[in-house]
N, C-alpha and C. Protein backbone atom coordinates (compact mmCIF):
# COMPACT_ATOMS: atom_id res chain seq x y z
N MET A 1 -19.19 -58.82 -3.53
CA MET A 1 -20.47 -58.22 -3.87
C MET A 1 -20.26 -56.76 -4.28
N ASN A 2 -20.75 -56.40 -5.44
CA ASN A 2 -20.61 -55.03 -5.91
C ASN A 2 -21.77 -54.17 -5.43
N ASN A 3 -21.48 -52.93 -5.18
CA ASN A 3 -22.46 -51.97 -4.71
C ASN A 3 -23.37 -51.57 -5.88
N PRO A 4 -24.68 -51.86 -5.78
CA PRO A 4 -25.59 -51.48 -6.87
C PRO A 4 -25.62 -49.97 -7.13
N LYS A 5 -25.44 -49.19 -6.09
CA LYS A 5 -25.40 -47.73 -6.25
C LYS A 5 -24.22 -47.34 -7.13
N THR A 6 -23.06 -47.93 -6.85
CA THR A 6 -21.87 -47.63 -7.64
C THR A 6 -22.06 -48.05 -9.09
N GLU A 7 -22.62 -49.23 -9.28
CA GLU A 7 -22.86 -49.72 -10.65
C GLU A 7 -23.73 -48.74 -11.43
N LYS A 8 -24.82 -48.28 -10.83
CA LYS A 8 -25.72 -47.35 -11.51
C LYS A 8 -25.02 -46.02 -11.79
N GLN A 9 -24.34 -45.50 -10.78
CA GLN A 9 -23.63 -44.23 -10.96
C GLN A 9 -22.57 -44.34 -12.05
N TYR A 10 -21.83 -45.44 -12.05
CA TYR A 10 -20.78 -45.65 -13.04
C TYR A 10 -21.39 -45.65 -14.44
N HIS A 11 -22.47 -46.42 -14.61
CA HIS A 11 -23.11 -46.50 -15.93
C HIS A 11 -23.73 -45.17 -16.34
N ASP A 12 -24.27 -44.43 -15.40
CA ASP A 12 -24.82 -43.10 -15.71
C ASP A 12 -23.73 -42.16 -16.21
N VAL A 13 -22.59 -42.17 -15.54
CA VAL A 13 -21.48 -41.32 -15.96
C VAL A 13 -20.97 -41.75 -17.33
N LEU A 14 -20.82 -43.05 -17.53
CA LEU A 14 -20.35 -43.52 -18.84
C LEU A 14 -21.33 -43.15 -19.95
N ALA A 15 -22.60 -43.20 -19.66
CA ALA A 15 -23.60 -42.80 -20.66
C ALA A 15 -23.43 -41.33 -21.03
N GLN A 16 -23.16 -40.50 -20.04
CA GLN A 16 -22.91 -39.07 -20.28
C GLN A 16 -21.66 -38.88 -21.14
N CYS A 17 -20.60 -39.61 -20.83
CA CYS A 17 -19.36 -39.52 -21.60
C CYS A 17 -19.58 -40.02 -23.02
N ARG A 18 -20.31 -41.11 -23.16
CA ARG A 18 -20.57 -41.69 -24.48
C ARG A 18 -21.37 -40.72 -25.35
N ARG A 19 -22.36 -40.05 -24.76
CA ARG A 19 -23.16 -39.07 -25.53
C ARG A 19 -22.25 -38.01 -26.16
N LEU A 20 -21.33 -37.50 -25.38
CA LEU A 20 -20.42 -36.48 -25.92
C LEU A 20 -19.52 -37.08 -27.00
N TYR A 21 -19.01 -38.27 -26.76
CA TYR A 21 -18.16 -38.96 -27.73
C TYR A 21 -18.91 -39.13 -29.06
N VAL A 22 -20.14 -39.60 -29.00
CA VAL A 22 -20.95 -39.82 -30.20
C VAL A 22 -21.29 -38.49 -30.88
N ASP A 23 -21.65 -37.49 -30.09
CA ASP A 23 -21.96 -36.18 -30.67
C ASP A 23 -20.75 -35.56 -31.36
N LYS A 24 -19.57 -35.71 -30.75
CA LYS A 24 -18.37 -35.19 -31.40
C LYS A 24 -18.07 -35.97 -32.68
N MET A 25 -18.40 -37.24 -32.68
CA MET A 25 -18.22 -38.06 -33.88
C MET A 25 -19.11 -37.54 -35.01
N LYS A 26 -20.31 -37.06 -34.65
CA LYS A 26 -21.20 -36.48 -35.65
C LYS A 26 -20.59 -35.22 -36.25
N ASP A 27 -19.88 -34.45 -35.43
CA ASP A 27 -19.25 -33.23 -35.92
C ASP A 27 -17.97 -33.50 -36.72
N TYR A 28 -17.12 -34.41 -36.20
CA TYR A 28 -15.78 -34.57 -36.75
C TYR A 28 -15.50 -35.93 -37.36
N GLY A 29 -16.39 -36.90 -37.14
CA GLY A 29 -16.05 -38.27 -37.53
C GLY A 29 -14.92 -38.76 -36.64
N PRO A 30 -14.38 -39.93 -36.93
CA PRO A 30 -13.28 -40.46 -36.11
C PRO A 30 -11.91 -39.93 -36.56
N ALA A 31 -11.81 -38.61 -36.68
CA ALA A 31 -10.55 -37.99 -37.08
C ALA A 31 -9.42 -38.32 -36.10
N TRP A 32 -9.76 -38.60 -34.86
CA TRP A 32 -8.78 -38.93 -33.84
C TRP A 32 -7.98 -40.20 -34.16
N ARG A 33 -8.44 -40.98 -35.13
CA ARG A 33 -7.73 -42.22 -35.48
C ARG A 33 -6.31 -41.96 -35.98
N ILE A 34 -6.03 -40.73 -36.40
CA ILE A 34 -4.67 -40.43 -36.88
C ILE A 34 -3.71 -40.10 -35.74
N LEU A 35 -4.23 -39.91 -34.53
CA LEU A 35 -3.38 -39.54 -33.40
C LEU A 35 -2.53 -40.71 -32.93
N ARG A 36 -1.26 -40.45 -32.76
CA ARG A 36 -0.40 -41.44 -32.12
C ARG A 36 -0.68 -41.40 -30.62
N THR A 37 -0.42 -42.50 -29.94
CA THR A 37 -0.78 -42.55 -28.51
C THR A 37 -0.08 -41.46 -27.69
N PRO A 38 1.17 -41.07 -27.97
CA PRO A 38 1.73 -39.96 -27.18
C PRO A 38 0.92 -38.66 -27.34
N SER A 39 0.34 -38.46 -28.52
CA SER A 39 -0.50 -37.26 -28.71
C SER A 39 -1.77 -37.36 -27.87
N ILE A 40 -2.32 -38.55 -27.79
CA ILE A 40 -3.52 -38.75 -26.95
C ILE A 40 -3.15 -38.54 -25.48
N THR A 41 -2.02 -39.10 -25.07
CA THR A 41 -1.57 -38.91 -23.69
C THR A 41 -1.39 -37.42 -23.39
N ASP A 42 -0.85 -36.68 -24.33
CA ASP A 42 -0.67 -35.24 -24.12
C ASP A 42 -2.02 -34.52 -24.03
N GLN A 43 -3.01 -34.95 -24.79
CA GLN A 43 -4.35 -34.36 -24.68
C GLN A 43 -4.94 -34.62 -23.29
N ILE A 44 -4.73 -35.83 -22.78
CA ILE A 44 -5.22 -36.15 -21.43
C ILE A 44 -4.47 -35.29 -20.41
N PHE A 45 -3.16 -35.12 -20.62
CA PHE A 45 -2.37 -34.28 -19.72
C PHE A 45 -2.94 -32.86 -19.67
N ILE A 46 -3.25 -32.30 -20.84
CA ILE A 46 -3.80 -30.94 -20.90
C ILE A 46 -5.08 -30.86 -20.06
N LYS A 47 -5.95 -31.85 -20.18
CA LYS A 47 -7.21 -31.84 -19.44
C LYS A 47 -6.95 -31.97 -17.94
N ALA A 48 -6.10 -32.91 -17.54
CA ALA A 48 -5.82 -33.12 -16.11
C ALA A 48 -5.09 -31.92 -15.52
N ASN A 49 -4.19 -31.35 -16.27
CA ASN A 49 -3.46 -30.18 -15.78
C ASN A 49 -4.41 -29.00 -15.60
N ARG A 50 -5.36 -28.83 -16.52
CA ARG A 50 -6.35 -27.76 -16.38
C ARG A 50 -7.20 -27.98 -15.13
N ILE A 51 -7.60 -29.23 -14.88
CA ILE A 51 -8.37 -29.52 -13.67
C ILE A 51 -7.57 -29.10 -12.44
N ARG A 52 -6.30 -29.49 -12.40
CA ARG A 52 -5.47 -29.15 -11.23
C ARG A 52 -5.33 -27.63 -11.09
N THR A 53 -5.15 -26.95 -12.21
CA THR A 53 -5.06 -25.49 -12.17
C THR A 53 -6.35 -24.88 -11.63
N LEU A 54 -7.49 -25.37 -12.11
CA LEU A 54 -8.78 -24.86 -11.63
C LEU A 54 -8.99 -25.16 -10.15
N GLN A 55 -8.46 -26.29 -9.69
CA GLN A 55 -8.60 -26.65 -8.28
C GLN A 55 -7.73 -25.78 -7.38
N THR A 56 -6.66 -25.23 -7.92
CA THR A 56 -5.74 -24.47 -7.07
C THR A 56 -5.75 -22.97 -7.34
N ALA A 57 -6.22 -22.54 -8.49
CA ALA A 57 -6.20 -21.12 -8.85
C ALA A 57 -7.35 -20.38 -8.19
N SER A 58 -7.09 -19.15 -7.85
CA SER A 58 -8.14 -18.33 -7.24
C SER A 58 -9.00 -17.63 -8.29
N GLU A 59 -8.49 -17.56 -9.51
CA GLU A 59 -9.22 -16.85 -10.56
C GLU A 59 -9.36 -17.75 -11.79
N ARG A 60 -10.55 -17.72 -12.40
CA ARG A 60 -10.80 -18.47 -13.64
C ARG A 60 -11.08 -17.47 -14.75
N LEU A 61 -10.41 -17.65 -15.87
CA LEU A 61 -10.62 -16.76 -17.00
C LEU A 61 -11.59 -17.35 -18.02
N VAL A 62 -11.81 -18.65 -17.95
CA VAL A 62 -12.79 -19.32 -18.81
C VAL A 62 -13.82 -19.95 -17.89
N ASP A 63 -15.08 -19.62 -18.10
CA ASP A 63 -16.14 -20.06 -17.19
C ASP A 63 -16.63 -21.46 -17.55
N GLU A 64 -15.80 -22.45 -17.28
CA GLU A 64 -16.17 -23.85 -17.44
C GLU A 64 -15.71 -24.59 -16.19
N GLY A 65 -16.48 -25.59 -15.82
CA GLY A 65 -16.11 -26.37 -14.65
C GLY A 65 -15.14 -27.48 -14.99
N ILE A 66 -14.88 -28.32 -14.01
CA ILE A 66 -13.95 -29.42 -14.22
C ILE A 66 -14.63 -30.66 -14.78
N GLU A 67 -15.94 -30.73 -14.69
CA GLU A 67 -16.65 -31.92 -15.20
C GLU A 67 -16.34 -32.19 -16.66
N PRO A 68 -16.40 -31.18 -17.55
CA PRO A 68 -16.09 -31.48 -18.96
C PRO A 68 -14.68 -32.01 -19.17
N GLU A 69 -13.76 -31.59 -18.31
CA GLU A 69 -12.38 -32.06 -18.44
C GLU A 69 -12.26 -33.53 -18.03
N PHE A 70 -12.96 -33.92 -16.96
CA PHE A 70 -12.96 -35.33 -16.57
C PHE A 70 -13.62 -36.19 -17.65
N ILE A 71 -14.69 -35.68 -18.26
CA ILE A 71 -15.33 -36.40 -19.36
C ILE A 71 -14.33 -36.56 -20.51
N GLY A 72 -13.59 -35.50 -20.80
CA GLY A 72 -12.56 -35.57 -21.84
C GLY A 72 -11.50 -36.61 -21.53
N ILE A 73 -11.13 -36.74 -20.27
CA ILE A 73 -10.14 -37.75 -19.88
C ILE A 73 -10.69 -39.14 -20.16
N VAL A 74 -11.94 -39.39 -19.78
CA VAL A 74 -12.56 -40.69 -20.06
C VAL A 74 -12.50 -40.97 -21.56
N ASN A 75 -12.94 -40.01 -22.36
CA ASN A 75 -13.05 -40.23 -23.79
C ASN A 75 -11.69 -40.36 -24.48
N TYR A 76 -10.74 -39.52 -24.12
CA TYR A 76 -9.41 -39.64 -24.72
C TYR A 76 -8.72 -40.93 -24.29
N ALA A 77 -8.88 -41.34 -23.03
CA ALA A 77 -8.27 -42.59 -22.59
C ALA A 77 -8.87 -43.78 -23.36
N ALA A 78 -10.18 -43.74 -23.61
CA ALA A 78 -10.80 -44.79 -24.42
C ALA A 78 -10.22 -44.78 -25.83
N MET A 79 -10.04 -43.60 -26.39
CA MET A 79 -9.42 -43.50 -27.72
C MET A 79 -8.00 -44.07 -27.71
N GLY A 80 -7.27 -43.80 -26.63
CA GLY A 80 -5.91 -44.32 -26.52
C GLY A 80 -5.89 -45.84 -26.54
N ILE A 81 -6.81 -46.44 -25.82
CA ILE A 81 -6.88 -47.91 -25.79
C ILE A 81 -7.25 -48.44 -27.18
N ILE A 82 -8.18 -47.78 -27.84
CA ILE A 82 -8.56 -48.20 -29.19
C ILE A 82 -7.35 -48.10 -30.12
N GLN A 83 -6.58 -47.03 -30.00
CA GLN A 83 -5.39 -46.89 -30.84
C GLN A 83 -4.38 -48.00 -30.55
N LEU A 84 -4.22 -48.36 -29.28
CA LEU A 84 -3.31 -49.45 -28.94
C LEU A 84 -3.80 -50.77 -29.54
N GLN A 85 -5.12 -50.96 -29.55
CA GLN A 85 -5.68 -52.21 -30.08
C GLN A 85 -5.65 -52.27 -31.60
N LEU A 86 -5.94 -51.16 -32.27
CA LEU A 86 -6.06 -51.15 -33.73
C LEU A 86 -4.84 -50.62 -34.45
N GLY A 87 -4.02 -49.85 -33.76
CA GLY A 87 -2.90 -49.20 -34.41
C GLY A 87 -3.33 -47.85 -34.99
N VAL A 88 -2.34 -47.01 -35.23
CA VAL A 88 -2.58 -45.67 -35.75
C VAL A 88 -2.67 -45.75 -37.28
N VAL A 89 -3.50 -44.90 -37.85
CA VAL A 89 -3.67 -44.86 -39.31
C VAL A 89 -3.39 -43.45 -39.83
N ASP A 90 -3.17 -43.36 -41.13
CA ASP A 90 -2.92 -42.04 -41.75
C ASP A 90 -4.21 -41.32 -42.10
N GLN A 91 -5.27 -42.07 -42.28
CA GLN A 91 -6.59 -41.51 -42.58
C GLN A 91 -7.62 -42.25 -41.73
N PRO A 92 -8.65 -41.57 -41.25
CA PRO A 92 -9.67 -42.27 -40.47
C PRO A 92 -10.21 -43.47 -41.25
N ASP A 93 -10.29 -44.60 -40.58
CA ASP A 93 -10.68 -45.85 -41.23
C ASP A 93 -11.90 -46.51 -40.61
N LEU A 94 -12.52 -45.85 -39.65
CA LEU A 94 -13.71 -46.39 -38.99
C LEU A 94 -14.90 -45.51 -39.30
N THR A 95 -16.06 -46.12 -39.36
CA THR A 95 -17.27 -45.32 -39.40
C THR A 95 -17.55 -44.86 -37.97
N SER A 96 -18.41 -43.89 -37.83
CA SER A 96 -18.78 -43.43 -36.49
C SER A 96 -19.40 -44.56 -35.70
N GLU A 97 -20.16 -45.42 -36.37
CA GLU A 97 -20.80 -46.55 -35.68
C GLU A 97 -19.76 -47.55 -35.19
N GLN A 98 -18.75 -47.83 -36.02
CA GLN A 98 -17.69 -48.75 -35.60
C GLN A 98 -16.90 -48.15 -34.42
N ALA A 99 -16.64 -46.86 -34.50
CA ALA A 99 -15.91 -46.19 -33.41
C ALA A 99 -16.72 -46.24 -32.12
N ALA A 100 -18.04 -46.10 -32.21
CA ALA A 100 -18.90 -46.18 -31.02
C ALA A 100 -18.89 -47.59 -30.44
N LYS A 101 -18.88 -48.60 -31.30
CA LYS A 101 -18.82 -49.99 -30.82
C LYS A 101 -17.49 -50.26 -30.12
N MET A 102 -16.41 -49.73 -30.68
CA MET A 102 -15.10 -49.90 -30.04
C MET A 102 -15.08 -49.19 -28.68
N TYR A 103 -15.67 -48.02 -28.62
CA TYR A 103 -15.77 -47.26 -27.37
C TYR A 103 -16.53 -48.09 -26.33
N ASP A 104 -17.65 -48.68 -26.74
CA ASP A 104 -18.44 -49.50 -25.82
C ASP A 104 -17.63 -50.69 -25.32
N LYS A 105 -16.87 -51.31 -26.20
CA LYS A 105 -16.04 -52.46 -25.81
C LYS A 105 -15.01 -52.03 -24.76
N VAL A 106 -14.34 -50.92 -25.02
CA VAL A 106 -13.30 -50.43 -24.10
C VAL A 106 -13.91 -50.02 -22.76
N THR A 107 -15.01 -49.29 -22.78
CA THR A 107 -15.59 -48.84 -21.52
C THR A 107 -16.20 -50.01 -20.74
N ASN A 108 -16.67 -51.04 -21.44
CA ASN A 108 -17.12 -52.25 -20.74
C ASN A 108 -15.95 -52.94 -20.06
N GLU A 109 -14.80 -52.98 -20.74
CA GLU A 109 -13.59 -53.56 -20.13
C GLU A 109 -13.16 -52.74 -18.92
N ALA A 110 -13.26 -51.42 -19.02
CA ALA A 110 -12.92 -50.55 -17.88
C ALA A 110 -13.86 -50.81 -16.71
N TYR A 111 -15.14 -50.98 -17.01
CA TYR A 111 -16.12 -51.27 -15.97
C TYR A 111 -15.80 -52.60 -15.28
N GLU A 112 -15.49 -53.62 -16.06
CA GLU A 112 -15.16 -54.93 -15.47
C GLU A 112 -13.93 -54.83 -14.57
N LEU A 113 -12.93 -54.09 -15.01
CA LEU A 113 -11.74 -53.87 -14.19
C LEU A 113 -12.11 -53.14 -12.90
N MET A 114 -12.94 -52.11 -13.04
CA MET A 114 -13.36 -51.35 -11.86
C MET A 114 -14.07 -52.25 -10.86
N THR A 115 -14.95 -53.12 -11.32
CA THR A 115 -15.69 -53.97 -10.37
C THR A 115 -14.75 -54.89 -9.59
N ARG A 116 -13.73 -55.41 -10.28
CA ARG A 116 -12.77 -56.28 -9.58
C ARG A 116 -11.95 -55.48 -8.57
N LYS A 117 -11.41 -54.35 -9.00
CA LYS A 117 -10.59 -53.54 -8.10
C LYS A 117 -11.42 -52.93 -6.98
N ASN A 118 -12.63 -52.49 -7.31
CA ASN A 118 -13.50 -51.86 -6.33
C ASN A 118 -13.83 -52.85 -5.21
N HIS A 119 -14.01 -54.10 -5.57
CA HIS A 119 -14.27 -55.13 -4.57
C HIS A 119 -13.07 -55.27 -3.63
N ASP A 120 -11.89 -55.37 -4.22
CA ASP A 120 -10.69 -55.58 -3.41
C ASP A 120 -10.32 -54.36 -2.58
N TYR A 121 -10.60 -53.17 -3.07
CA TYR A 121 -10.25 -51.93 -2.36
C TYR A 121 -11.42 -51.41 -1.51
N ASP A 122 -12.54 -52.10 -1.53
CA ASP A 122 -13.70 -51.76 -0.70
C ASP A 122 -14.14 -50.30 -0.89
N GLU A 123 -14.21 -49.88 -2.15
CA GLU A 123 -14.69 -48.54 -2.50
C GLU A 123 -13.95 -47.42 -1.78
N ALA A 124 -12.64 -47.59 -1.62
CA ALA A 124 -11.84 -46.57 -0.94
C ALA A 124 -11.92 -45.22 -1.65
N TRP A 125 -12.15 -45.22 -2.95
CA TRP A 125 -12.23 -43.97 -3.72
C TRP A 125 -13.32 -43.04 -3.20
N ARG A 126 -14.35 -43.59 -2.58
CA ARG A 126 -15.44 -42.76 -2.06
C ARG A 126 -14.97 -41.84 -0.93
N SER A 127 -13.88 -42.19 -0.28
CA SER A 127 -13.34 -41.36 0.80
C SER A 127 -12.21 -40.44 0.32
N MET A 128 -11.94 -40.47 -0.96
CA MET A 128 -10.86 -39.64 -1.50
C MET A 128 -11.35 -38.25 -1.85
N ARG A 129 -10.44 -37.33 -1.86
CA ARG A 129 -10.70 -35.98 -2.34
C ARG A 129 -10.58 -35.98 -3.86
N ILE A 130 -11.36 -35.15 -4.51
CA ILE A 130 -11.28 -35.05 -5.97
C ILE A 130 -9.90 -34.56 -6.38
N SER A 131 -9.30 -33.70 -5.57
CA SER A 131 -7.95 -33.22 -5.88
C SER A 131 -6.94 -34.39 -5.87
N SER A 132 -7.14 -35.35 -4.98
CA SER A 132 -6.25 -36.52 -4.94
C SER A 132 -6.45 -37.39 -6.18
N ILE A 133 -7.69 -37.51 -6.61
CA ILE A 133 -7.96 -38.27 -7.83
C ILE A 133 -7.29 -37.59 -9.02
N THR A 134 -7.36 -36.27 -9.07
CA THR A 134 -6.68 -35.52 -10.13
C THR A 134 -5.19 -35.81 -10.11
N ASP A 135 -4.59 -35.78 -8.93
CA ASP A 135 -3.15 -36.05 -8.83
C ASP A 135 -2.82 -37.47 -9.27
N LEU A 136 -3.66 -38.43 -8.94
CA LEU A 136 -3.42 -39.81 -9.37
C LEU A 136 -3.50 -39.93 -10.89
N ILE A 137 -4.45 -39.22 -11.49
CA ILE A 137 -4.53 -39.24 -12.96
C ILE A 137 -3.27 -38.62 -13.55
N LEU A 138 -2.83 -37.51 -13.00
CA LEU A 138 -1.58 -36.89 -13.50
C LEU A 138 -0.39 -37.84 -13.34
N MET A 139 -0.33 -38.57 -12.24
CA MET A 139 0.75 -39.54 -12.04
C MET A 139 0.66 -40.63 -13.10
N LYS A 140 -0.55 -41.12 -13.38
CA LYS A 140 -0.74 -42.15 -14.42
C LYS A 140 -0.30 -41.62 -15.78
N ILE A 141 -0.57 -40.35 -16.04
CA ILE A 141 -0.14 -39.73 -17.30
C ILE A 141 1.38 -39.71 -17.39
N LEU A 142 2.03 -39.29 -16.31
CA LEU A 142 3.50 -39.24 -16.31
C LEU A 142 4.09 -40.64 -16.47
N ARG A 143 3.48 -41.64 -15.85
CA ARG A 143 3.93 -43.02 -16.04
C ARG A 143 3.77 -43.43 -17.50
N THR A 144 2.63 -43.07 -18.07
CA THR A 144 2.35 -43.41 -19.46
C THR A 144 3.38 -42.75 -20.38
N LYS A 145 3.67 -41.48 -20.14
CA LYS A 145 4.67 -40.78 -20.95
C LYS A 145 6.03 -41.47 -20.85
N SER A 146 6.39 -41.89 -19.66
CA SER A 146 7.67 -42.57 -19.47
C SER A 146 7.70 -43.89 -20.25
N ILE A 147 6.62 -44.65 -20.18
CA ILE A 147 6.55 -45.91 -20.93
C ILE A 147 6.62 -45.62 -22.43
N GLU A 148 5.91 -44.60 -22.87
CA GLU A 148 5.96 -44.22 -24.30
C GLU A 148 7.37 -43.83 -24.72
N ASP A 149 8.07 -43.11 -23.84
CA ASP A 149 9.44 -42.70 -24.14
C ASP A 149 10.40 -43.89 -24.19
N HIS A 150 9.98 -45.01 -23.61
CA HIS A 150 10.78 -46.25 -23.65
C HIS A 150 10.19 -47.24 -24.67
N ASP A 151 9.52 -46.69 -25.67
CA ASP A 151 8.93 -47.49 -26.76
C ASP A 151 7.98 -48.58 -26.24
N GLY A 152 7.28 -48.28 -25.16
CA GLY A 152 6.28 -49.21 -24.64
C GLY A 152 6.84 -50.35 -23.81
N LYS A 153 8.14 -50.36 -23.61
CA LYS A 153 8.78 -51.46 -22.86
C LYS A 153 8.79 -51.14 -21.37
N THR A 154 8.45 -52.13 -20.57
CA THR A 154 8.53 -52.01 -19.11
C THR A 154 9.28 -53.22 -18.56
N ILE A 155 9.79 -53.07 -17.36
CA ILE A 155 10.49 -54.18 -16.72
C ILE A 155 9.53 -54.91 -15.79
N VAL A 156 8.88 -54.19 -14.91
CA VAL A 156 7.96 -54.83 -13.95
C VAL A 156 6.58 -54.18 -13.94
N SER A 157 6.42 -53.08 -14.66
CA SER A 157 5.19 -52.31 -14.58
C SER A 157 4.17 -52.78 -15.61
N GLU A 158 2.90 -52.41 -15.33
CA GLU A 158 1.84 -52.67 -16.29
C GLU A 158 2.08 -51.80 -17.52
N GLY A 159 1.44 -52.14 -18.60
CA GLY A 159 1.66 -51.42 -19.85
C GLY A 159 0.80 -50.19 -20.00
N LEU A 160 0.84 -49.64 -21.20
CA LEU A 160 0.10 -48.43 -21.52
C LEU A 160 -1.39 -48.59 -21.30
N ASP A 161 -1.94 -49.72 -21.75
CA ASP A 161 -3.39 -49.90 -21.66
C ASP A 161 -3.86 -49.88 -20.21
N ALA A 162 -3.11 -50.47 -19.30
CA ALA A 162 -3.50 -50.49 -17.89
C ALA A 162 -3.59 -49.07 -17.33
N ASN A 163 -2.66 -48.21 -17.73
CA ASN A 163 -2.70 -46.82 -17.27
C ASN A 163 -3.89 -46.08 -17.84
N TYR A 164 -4.20 -46.30 -19.12
CA TYR A 164 -5.38 -45.68 -19.72
C TYR A 164 -6.67 -46.16 -19.03
N TYR A 165 -6.76 -47.46 -18.75
CA TYR A 165 -7.95 -47.97 -18.05
C TYR A 165 -8.08 -47.32 -16.67
N ASP A 166 -6.97 -47.18 -15.95
CA ASP A 166 -7.02 -46.54 -14.64
C ASP A 166 -7.45 -45.08 -14.76
N MET A 167 -6.98 -44.39 -15.81
CA MET A 167 -7.40 -43.00 -16.01
C MET A 167 -8.90 -42.92 -16.22
N ILE A 168 -9.45 -43.84 -17.00
CA ILE A 168 -10.91 -43.87 -17.20
C ILE A 168 -11.60 -44.02 -15.86
N ASN A 169 -11.18 -45.00 -15.09
CA ASN A 169 -11.87 -45.29 -13.83
C ASN A 169 -11.72 -44.17 -12.81
N TYR A 170 -10.55 -43.59 -12.70
CA TYR A 170 -10.39 -42.46 -11.77
C TYR A 170 -11.25 -41.27 -12.20
N ALA A 171 -11.31 -41.00 -13.50
CA ALA A 171 -12.13 -39.88 -13.98
C ALA A 171 -13.61 -40.15 -13.72
N VAL A 172 -14.05 -41.38 -13.92
CA VAL A 172 -15.45 -41.73 -13.62
C VAL A 172 -15.71 -41.55 -12.13
N PHE A 173 -14.80 -41.99 -11.29
CA PHE A 173 -14.97 -41.81 -9.84
C PHE A 173 -15.11 -40.33 -9.50
N ALA A 174 -14.27 -39.49 -10.09
CA ALA A 174 -14.35 -38.06 -9.82
C ALA A 174 -15.70 -37.50 -10.26
N LEU A 175 -16.19 -37.93 -11.41
CA LEU A 175 -17.48 -37.44 -11.89
C LEU A 175 -18.62 -37.90 -10.98
N ILE A 176 -18.52 -39.11 -10.45
CA ILE A 176 -19.53 -39.59 -9.50
C ILE A 176 -19.50 -38.73 -8.24
N LEU A 177 -18.31 -38.48 -7.71
CA LEU A 177 -18.19 -37.67 -6.49
C LEU A 177 -18.67 -36.25 -6.72
N LEU A 178 -18.37 -35.68 -7.88
CA LEU A 178 -18.85 -34.33 -8.20
C LEU A 178 -20.37 -34.29 -8.28
N ALA A 179 -20.97 -35.31 -8.88
CA ALA A 179 -22.44 -35.37 -8.97
C ALA A 179 -23.07 -35.51 -7.58
N GLU A 180 -22.46 -36.33 -6.73
CA GLU A 180 -22.96 -36.48 -5.36
C GLU A 180 -22.87 -35.15 -4.60
N LYS A 181 -21.75 -34.46 -4.76
CA LYS A 181 -21.56 -33.18 -4.10
C LYS A 181 -22.64 -32.18 -4.55
N LYS A 182 -22.88 -32.16 -5.84
CA LYS A 182 -23.87 -31.25 -6.39
C LYS A 182 -25.28 -31.59 -5.86
N GLN A 183 -25.59 -32.88 -5.76
CA GLN A 183 -26.89 -33.30 -5.21
C GLN A 183 -27.02 -32.90 -3.74
N ASN A 184 -25.96 -33.04 -2.98
CA ASN A 184 -25.99 -32.68 -1.57
C ASN A 184 -26.15 -31.18 -1.34
N GLU A 185 -25.68 -30.40 -2.32
CA GLU A 185 -25.79 -28.93 -2.20
C GLU A 185 -27.19 -28.43 -2.58
N GLU A 186 -27.92 -29.24 -3.32
CA GLU A 186 -29.26 -28.82 -3.78
C GLU A 186 -30.31 -29.01 -2.72
């Protein structure tokens, strides 16, 4: 049995991420289609590393929180999965509407994966620290980089797409926990 609260929170966070994805598409179109997956992985690394720096640094020079970075992780990981499914191109080949449909397909797959894992793990993520979730995302990124460096070949491990899906779900969990924290402070 899935927790209705989690389902609603998950969909609310994904809606927030999707809005930004669609709005950026209005500004840039699907220019990201030219990115090779290692470039996408590096973009996710930059976002996760910034989150970790903000979590540990005593001083911030740019007045932005970590929420936009977690949203970026969700969106870039979705782009990574789309690139794995469609392949990289030299020129953008999707309309913004097609890219949004692909995003919906990927995030629906991430949601389905989350519901299965969440059931088996009994929502253990709710007891985690956001800093631990950040570290897990960074670990997934390093695993992804290693798989990419081995031309996508693994011996016993899941592939690139599984790591991207996990990054989406961990980032969504962090955004849910951050929203709950903010509500509790109000």
